[in-house]
PDB file of N, CA and C in Angstrom:
ATOM      1  N   MET A   1      63.294 -19.895  22.445  1.00  0.00           N
ATOM      2  CA  MET A   1      62.815 -19.875  21.129  1.00  0.00           C
ATOM      3  C   MET A   1      63.186 -21.306  20.332  1.00  0.00           C
ATOM      4  N   ARG A   2      63.841 -22.309  20.098  1.00  0.00           N
ATOM      5  CA  ARG A   2      64.449 -22.623  19.394  1.00  0.00           C
ATOM      6  C   ARG A   2      63.579 -23.715  19.734  1.00  0.00           C
ATOM      7  N   LYS A   3      63.349 -23.816  21.421  1.00  0.00           N
ATOM      8  CA  LYS A   3      62.256 -24.954  21.584  1.00  0.00           C
ATOM      9  C   LYS A   3      60.500 -24.922  21.057  1.00  0.00           C
ATOM     10  N   GLU A   4      60.460 -23.795  20.893  1.00  0.00           N
ATOM     11  CA  GLU A   4      59.234 -22.976  20.679  1.00  0.00           C
ATOM     12  C   GLU A   4      58.976 -23.253  18.939  1.00  0.00           C
ATOM     13  N   LEU A   5      60.059 -22.975  18.133  1.00  0.00           N
ATOM     14  CA  LEU A   5      60.328 -23.597  16.865  1.00  0.00           C
ATOM     15  C   LEU A   5      59.544 -24.959  16.510  1.00  0.00           C
ATOM     16  N   GLU A   6      60.734 -25.703  16.985  1.00  0.00           N
ATOM     17  CA  GLU A   6      60.870 -26.968  17.266  1.00  0.00           C
ATOM     18  C   GLU A   6      59.073 -27.694  16.879  1.00  0.00           C
ATOM     19  N   ARG A   7      58.563 -26.942  18.458  1.00  0.00           N
ATOM     20  CA  ARG A   7      57.259 -27.303  18.529  1.00  0.00           C
ATOM     21  C   ARG A   7      56.240 -26.843  17.543  1.00  0.00           C
ATOM     22  N   LEU A   8      56.333 -25.803  16.294  1.00  0.00           N
ATOM     23  CA  LEU A   8      55.652 -25.077  16.056  1.00  0.00           C
ATOM     24  C   LEU A   8      56.101 -25.941  14.519  1.00  0.00           C
ATOM     25  N   ILE A   9      57.198 -26.572  14.442  1.00  0.00           N
ATOM     26  CA  ILE A   9      57.318 -27.057  12.769  1.00  0.00           C
ATOM     27  C   ILE A   9      57.127 -28.955  12.908  1.00  0.00           C
ATOM     28  N   ARG A  10      57.007 -29.308  14.271  1.00  0.00           N
ATOM     29  CA  ARG A  10      56.143 -30.474  14.493  1.00  0.00           C
ATOM     30  C   ARG A  10      54.563 -30.484  14.495  1.00  0.00           C
ATOM     31  N   GLU A  11      53.968 -29.442  14.737  1.00  0.00           N
ATOM     32  CA  GLU A  11      52.807 -29.036  14.638  1.00  0.00           C
ATOM     33  C   GLU A  11      52.312 -29.227  13.238  1.00  0.00           C
ATOM     34  N   GLN A  12      53.002 -28.881  12.556  1.00  0.00           N
ATOM     35  CA  GLN A  12      53.062 -28.390  10.859  1.00  0.00           C
ATOM     36  C   GLN A  12      53.455 -29.741  10.225  1.00  0.00           C
ATOM     37  N   SER A  13      54.061 -30.992  10.417  1.00  0.00           N
ATOM     38  CA  SER A  13      54.555 -31.715  10.062  1.00  0.00           C
ATOM     39  C   SER A  13      54.437 -33.261  10.768  1.00  0.00           C
ATOM     40  N   GLU A  14      54.685 -34.180  10.356  1.00  0.00           N
ATOM     41  CA  GLU A  14      54.687 -35.246  10.851  1.00  0.00           C
ATOM     42  C   GLU A  14      55.862 -35.510  11.389  1.00  0.00           C
ATOM     43  N   PHE A  15      56.704 -34.949  11.346  1.00  0.00           N
ATOM     44  CA  PHE A  15      57.906 -35.534  11.708  1.00  0.00           C
ATOM     45  C   PHE A  15      58.827 -35.348  13.370  1.00  0.00           C
ATOM     46  N   LYS A  16      59.135 -36.956  13.491  1.00  0.00           N
ATOM     47  CA  LYS A  16      59.286 -37.289  14.725  1.00  0.00           C
ATOM     48  C   LYS A  16      60.413 -37.309  15.167  1.00  0.00           C
ATOM     49  N   ASP A  17      61.512 -37.462  14.333  1.00  0.00           N
ATOM     50  CA  ASP A  17      62.856 -37.306  14.735  1.00  0.00           C
ATOM     51  C   ASP A  17      63.471 -36.118  15.335  1.00  0.00           C
ATOM     52  N   GLU A  18      64.758 -36.070  15.467  1.00  0.00           N
ATOM     53  CA  GLU A  18      65.321 -34.819  16.193  1.00  0.00           C
ATOM     54  C   GLU A  18      65.420 -33.981  15.274  1.00  0.00           C
ATOM     55  N   ILE A  19      64.914 -32.855  15.494  1.00  0.00           N
ATOM     56  CA  ILE A  19      65.149 -31.331  14.477  1.00  0.00           C
ATOM     57  C   ILE A  19      67.340 -31.013  14.209  1.00  0.00           C
ATOM     58  N   THR A  20      67.659 -30.593  13.262  1.00  0.00           N
ATOM     59  CA  THR A  20      68.692 -30.518  13.124  1.00  0.00           C
ATOM     60  C   THR A  20      68.527 -28.662  12.489  1.00  0.00           C
ATOM     61  N   ASN A  21      69.691 -27.697  12.597  1.00  0.00           N
ATOM     62  CA  ASN A  21      69.688 -26.730  12.314  1.00  0.00           C
ATOM     63  C   ASN A  21      69.578 -26.367  10.200  1.00  0.00           C
ATOM     64  N   ASP A  22      70.369 -27.883  10.153  1.00  0.00           N
ATOM     65  CA  ASP A  22      70.646 -27.876   8.783  1.00  0.00           C
ATOM     66  C   ASP A  22      69.592 -28.846   7.739  1.00  0.00           C
ATOM     67  N   GLN A  23      68.593 -29.449   8.246  1.00  0.00           N
ATOM     68  CA  GLN A  23      67.686 -29.697   7.487  1.00  0.00           C
ATOM     69  C   GLN A  23      66.786 -29.175   6.881  1.00  0.00           C
ATOM     70  N   CYS A  24      66.386 -29.605   5.789  1.00  0.00           N
ATOM     71  CA  CYS A  24      65.486 -28.835   4.778  1.00  0.00           C
ATOM     72  C   CYS A  24      64.017 -29.061   4.912  1.00  0.00           C
ATOM     73  N   LEU A  25      63.328 -27.557   5.140  1.00  0.00           N
ATOM     74  CA  LEU A  25      61.835 -27.758   5.832  1.00  0.00           C
ATOM     75  C   LEU A  25      61.275 -28.840   5.133  1.00  0.00           C
ATOM     76  N   TYR A  26      61.562 -28.954   3.905  1.00  0.00           N
ATOM     77  CA  TYR A  26      60.605 -29.233   2.871  1.00  0.00           C
ATOM     78  C   TYR A  26      61.253 -30.680   2.516  1.00  0.00           C
ATOM     79  N   ASP A  27      62.129 -30.943   2.006  1.00  0.00           N
ATOM     80  CA  ASP A  27      62.870 -32.523   1.677  1.00  0.00           C
ATOM     81  C   ASP A  27      62.859 -32.861   3.073  1.00  0.00           C
ATOM     82  N   ASP A  28      63.410 -32.694   4.101  1.00  0.00           N
ATOM     83  CA  ASP A  28      63.949 -33.341   5.436  1.00  0.00           C
ATOM     84  C   ASP A  28      62.871 -33.689   6.160  1.00  0.00           C
ATOM     85  N   ILE A  29      61.970 -32.710   6.345  1.00  0.00           N
ATOM     86  CA  ILE A  29      60.920 -32.548   7.099  1.00  0.00           C
ATOM     87  C   ILE A  29      59.960 -32.926   6.537  1.00  0.00           C
ATOM     88  N   GLY A  30      59.512 -32.347   5.592  1.00  0.00           N
ATOM     89  CA  GLY A  30      58.304 -32.394   4.732  1.00  0.00           C
ATOM     90  C   GLY A  30      56.928 -31.953   5.263  1.00  0.00           C
ATOM     91  N   ILE A  31      57.860 -30.709   5.293  1.00  0.00           N
ATOM     92  CA  ILE A  31      56.363 -29.608   4.856  1.00  0.00           C
ATOM     93  C   ILE A  31      56.166 -29.016   4.001  1.00  0.00           C
ATOM     94  N   ASP A  32      54.787 -28.997   3.282  1.00  0.00           N
ATOM     95  CA  ASP A  32      54.906 -28.638   2.134  1.00  0.00           C
ATOM     96  C   ASP A  32      54.292 -27.096   1.933  1.00  0.00           C
ATOM     97  N   SER A  33      53.910 -26.733   0.890  1.00  0.00           N
ATOM     98  CA  SER A  33      54.040 -25.048   0.631  1.00  0.00           C
ATOM     99  C   SER A  33      52.738 -24.723   0.788  1.00  0.00           C
ATOM    100  N   LEU A  34      51.897 -25.260   1.441  1.00  0.00           N
ATOM    101  CA  LEU A  34      50.445 -24.996   2.361  1.00  0.00           C
ATOM    102  C   LEU A  34      50.747 -25.050   3.551  1.00  0.00           C
ATOM    103  N   SER A  35      51.654 -25.932   3.892  1.00  0.00           N
ATOM    104  CA  SER A  35      52.106 -26.448   5.804  1.00  0.00           C
ATOM    105  C   SER A  35      53.213 -25.045   5.987  1.00  0.00           C
ATOM    106  N   ILE A  36      53.604 -24.805   5.015  1.00  0.00           N
ATOM    107  CA  ILE A  36      54.963 -23.729   5.652  1.00  0.00           C
ATOM    108  C   ILE A  36      54.362 -22.399   5.614  1.00  0.00           C
ATOM    109  N   VAL A  37      52.950 -21.755   4.932  1.00  0.00           N
ATOM    110  CA  VAL A  37      52.556 -20.280   4.964  1.00  0.00           C
ATOM    111  C   VAL A  37      51.860 -20.632   6.465  1.00  0.00           C
ATOM    112  N   ASP A  38      51.325 -22.123   6.937  1.00  0.00           N
ATOM    113  CA  ASP A  38      50.635 -22.105   8.234  1.00  0.00           C
ATOM    114  C   ASP A  38      51.550 -21.641   9.518  1.00  0.00           C
ATOM    115  N   LEU A  39      53.141 -22.622   9.242  1.00  0.00           N
ATOM    116  CA  LEU A  39      54.035 -22.647  10.041  1.00  0.00           C
ATOM    117  C   LEU A  39      54.510 -21.100  10.242  1.00  0.00           C
ATOM    118  N   ILE A  40      54.702 -20.589   9.416  1.00  0.00           N
ATOM    119  CA  ILE A  40      55.025 -18.911   9.388  1.00  0.00           C
ATOM    120  C   ILE A  40      54.234 -17.998  10.355  1.00  0.00           C
ATOM    121  N   ASN A  41      52.831 -18.232   9.661  1.00  0.00           N
ATOM    122  CA  ASN A  41      51.834 -17.658  10.651  1.00  0.00           C
ATOM    123  C   ASN A  41      52.021 -18.038  11.850  1.00  0.00           C
ATOM    124  N   GLN A  42      51.782 -19.400  12.517  1.00  0.00           N
ATOM    125  CA  GLN A  42      52.022 -19.351  13.877  1.00  0.00           C
ATOM    126  C   GLN A  42      53.558 -18.968  14.091  1.00  0.00           C
ATOM    127  N   VAL A  43      54.606 -18.928  13.487  1.00  0.00           N
ATOM    128  CA  VAL A  43      55.474 -18.246  14.157  1.00  0.00           C
ATOM    129  C   VAL A  43      55.148 -16.689  14.236  1.00  0.00           C
ATOM    130  N   GLU A  44      54.943 -16.147  13.170  1.00  0.00           N
ATOM    131  CA  GLU A  44      54.389 -14.840  13.834  1.00  0.00           C
ATOM    132  C   GLU A  44      53.754 -14.478  14.735  1.00  0.00           C
ATOM    133  N   LYS A  45      52.954 -15.328  15.071  1.00  0.00           N
ATOM    134  CA  LYS A  45      51.916 -15.062  16.495  1.00  0.00           C
ATOM    135  C   LYS A  45      52.979 -15.498  17.584  1.00  0.00           C
ATOM    136  N   ALA A  46      53.647 -16.623  17.629  1.00  0.00           N
ATOM    137  CA  ALA A  46      54.529 -17.065  18.837  1.00  0.00           C
ATOM    138  C   ALA A  46      55.053 -15.762  19.075  1.00  0.00           C
ATOM    139  N   PHE A  47      55.996 -15.159  17.902  1.00  0.00           N
ATOM    140  CA  PHE A  47      57.187 -14.250  18.329  1.00  0.00           C
ATOM    141  C   PHE A  47      56.434 -12.854  18.213  1.00  0.00           C
ATOM    142  N   ASN A  48      55.694 -12.525  17.945  1.00  0.00           N
ATOM    143  CA  ASN A  48      54.828 -11.279  17.634  1.00  0.00           C
ATOM    144  C   ASN A  48      55.480 -10.449  16.852  1.00  0.00           C
ATOM    145  N   ILE A  49      55.908 -11.403  15.401  1.00  0.00           N
ATOM    146  CA  ILE A  49      56.531 -10.447  14.487  1.00  0.00           C
ATOM    147  C   ILE A  49      55.905 -10.599  12.961  1.00  0.00           C
ATOM    148  N   SER A  50      56.271 -10.295  12.252  1.00  0.00           N
ATOM    149  CA  SER A  50      55.810 -10.022  10.913  1.00  0.00           C
ATOM    150  C   SER A  50      56.970 -10.689   9.817  1.00  0.00           C
ATOM    151  N   PHE A  51      56.885 -11.590   8.577  1.00  0.00           N
ATOM    152  CA  PHE A  51      58.069 -11.393   7.582  1.00  0.00           C
ATOM    153  C   PHE A  51      57.210 -11.379   6.248  1.00  0.00           C
ATOM    154  N   LEU A  52      58.034 -10.472   5.638  1.00  0.00           N
ATOM    155  CA  LEU A  52      57.896 -10.167   3.778  1.00  0.00           C
ATOM    156  C   LEU A  52      57.433 -11.486   3.438  1.00  0.00           C
ATOM    157  N   GLU A  53      56.827 -11.265   2.199  1.00  0.00           N
ATOM    158  CA  GLU A  53      57.111 -12.415   1.009  1.00  0.00           C
ATOM    159  C   GLU A  53      58.059 -12.606   0.751  1.00  0.00           C
ATOM    160  N   SER A  54      58.854 -11.784   0.529  1.00  0.00           N
ATOM    161  CA  SER A  54      60.108 -12.213  -0.200  1.00  0.00           C
ATOM    162  C   SER A  54      61.192 -12.821   0.671  1.00  0.00           C
ATOM    163  N   GLU A  55      60.970 -12.390   2.091  1.00  0.00           N
ATOM    164  CA  GLU A  55      61.550 -13.417   3.346  1.00  0.00           C
ATOM    165  C   GLU A  55      61.327 -14.391   3.593  1.00  0.00           C
ATOM    166  N   VAL A  56      60.009 -14.836   2.980  1.00  0.00           N
ATOM    167  CA  VAL A  56      59.438 -16.408   3.754  1.00  0.00           C
ATOM    168  C   VAL A  56      60.158 -16.962   2.557  1.00  0.00           C
ATOM    169  N   LYS A  57      59.920 -16.769   1.452  1.00  0.00           N
ATOM    170  CA  LYS A  57      60.521 -17.490  -0.087  1.00  0.00           C
ATOM    171  C   LYS A  57      62.063 -17.685   0.407  1.00  0.00           C
ATOM    172  N   GLU A  58      62.728 -17.392   1.446  1.00  0.00           N
ATOM    173  CA  GLU A  58      63.973 -17.580   1.638  1.00  0.00           C
ATOM    174  C   GLU A  58      64.109 -18.571   2.469  1.00  0.00           C
ATOM    175  N   ILE A  59      63.172 -19.164   3.086  1.00  0.00           N
ATOM    176  CA  ILE A  59      63.292 -20.041   4.420  1.00  0.00           C
ATOM    177  C   ILE A  59      63.158 -21.320   3.718  1.00  0.00           C
ATOM    178  N   LYS A  60      64.569 -22.019   3.848  1.00  0.00           N
ATOM    179  CA  LYS A  60      64.437 -23.085   3.316  1.00  0.00           C
ATOM    180  C   LYS A  60      64.863 -24.100   4.462  1.00  0.00           C
ATOM    181  N   THR A  61      65.314 -23.942   5.431  1.00  0.00           N
ATOM    182  CA  THR A  61      66.401 -24.819   6.469  1.00  0.00           C
ATOM    183  C   THR A  61      65.470 -24.285   7.475  1.00  0.00           C
ATOM    184  N   VAL A  62      65.690 -25.153   8.603  1.00  0.00           N
ATOM    185  CA  VAL A  62      65.636 -24.651  10.012  1.00  0.00           C
ATOM    186  C   VAL A  62      66.562 -23.566  10.523  1.00  0.00           C
ATOM    187  N   ASP A  63      67.729 -23.870  10.116  1.00  0.00           N
ATOM    188  CA  ASP A  63      68.760 -22.593  10.185  1.00  0.00           C
ATOM    189  C   ASP A  63      68.506 -21.427   9.675  1.00  0.00           C
ATOM    190  N   HIS A  64      67.756 -21.228   8.645  1.00  0.00           N
ATOM    191  CA  HIS A  64      67.228 -20.095   7.537  1.00  0.00           C
ATOM    192  C   HIS A  64      66.012 -19.699   8.827  1.00  0.00           C
ATOM    193  N   LEU A  65      65.301 -20.474   9.285  1.00  0.00           N
ATOM    194  CA  LEU A  65      63.795 -20.113   9.828  1.00  0.00           C
ATOM    195  C   LEU A  65      64.701 -19.350  11.243  1.00  0.00           C
ATOM    196  N   ILE A  66      65.594 -20.091  12.046  1.00  0.00           N
ATOM    197  CA  ILE A  66      65.820 -19.801  13.180  1.00  0.00           C
ATOM    198  C   ILE A  66      66.644 -18.367  13.259  1.00  0.00           C
ATOM    199  N   ASN A  67      66.915 -17.641  11.813  1.00  0.00           N
ATOM    200  CA  ASN A  67      67.920 -16.935  11.689  1.00  0.00           C
ATOM    201  C   ASN A  67      66.972 -15.773  11.420  1.00  0.00           C
ATOM    202  N   GLN A  68      65.774 -16.021  10.487  1.00  0.00           N
ATOM    203  CA  GLN A  68      64.966 -14.685  10.325  1.00  0.00           C
ATOM    204  C   GLN A  68      64.319 -14.279  11.720  1.00  0.00           C
ATOM    205  N   VAL A  69      63.927 -15.376  12.400  1.00  0.00           N
ATOM    206  CA  VAL A  69      63.175 -15.156  13.938  1.00  0.00           C
ATOM    207  C   VAL A  69      64.236 -14.603  14.810  1.00  0.00           C
ATOM    208  N   LYS A  70      65.104 -14.841  14.960  1.00  0.00           N
ATOM    209  CA  LYS A  70      66.273 -14.121  15.507  1.00  0.00           C
ATOM    210  C   LYS A  70      66.415 -12.411  15.239  1.00  0.00           C
ATOM    211  N   SER A  71      66.644 -12.112  14.263  1.00  0.00           N
ATOM    212  CA  SER A  71      67.138 -11.112  13.046  1.00  0.00           C
ATOM    213  C   SER A  71      65.413  -9.890  13.331  1.00  0.00           C
ATOM    214  N   LYS A  72      64.192 -11.282  13.189  1.00  0.00           N
ATOM    215  CA  LYS A  72      63.121  -9.994  13.576  1.00  0.00           C
ATOM    216  C   LYS A  72      63.412  -9.701  15.141  1.00  0.00           C
ATOM    217  N   ILE A  73      63.300 -10.517  15.907  1.00  0.00           N
ATOM    218  CA  ILE A  73      63.122 -10.119  17.475  1.00  0.00           C
ATOM    219  C   ILE A  73      64.234  -8.970  17.957  1.00  0.00           C
ATOM    220  N   ASN A  74      65.032  -9.511  16.927  1.00  0.00           N
ATOM    221  CA  ASN A  74      66.551  -8.248  17.795  1.00  0.00           C
ATOM    222  C   ASN A  74      66.238  -6.834  17.319  1.00  0.00           C
ATOM    223  N   LYS A  75      64.825  -6.589  16.136  1.00  0.00           N
ATOM    224  CA  LYS A  75      65.380  -5.395  15.928  1.00  0.00           C
ATOM    225  C   LYS A  75      64.626  -4.209  16.635  1.00  0.00           C
TER     226      LYS A  75
END
């Protein structure tokens, strides 16, 4: 799951360095507000899950994204 999320994050950014859990998707990785929508759409398709708008607003770091995906998969 993590490798797939990293791949999707890289597709939405030009980030080439190592991706760590504590990195901010916006400030550290450089994903903007439009790209986050595309990223979430790709994550939803890849893992066959869906997010509420309120859940998306809470996703700030790589760790937040991983935890949200894990919680959706485990339901």
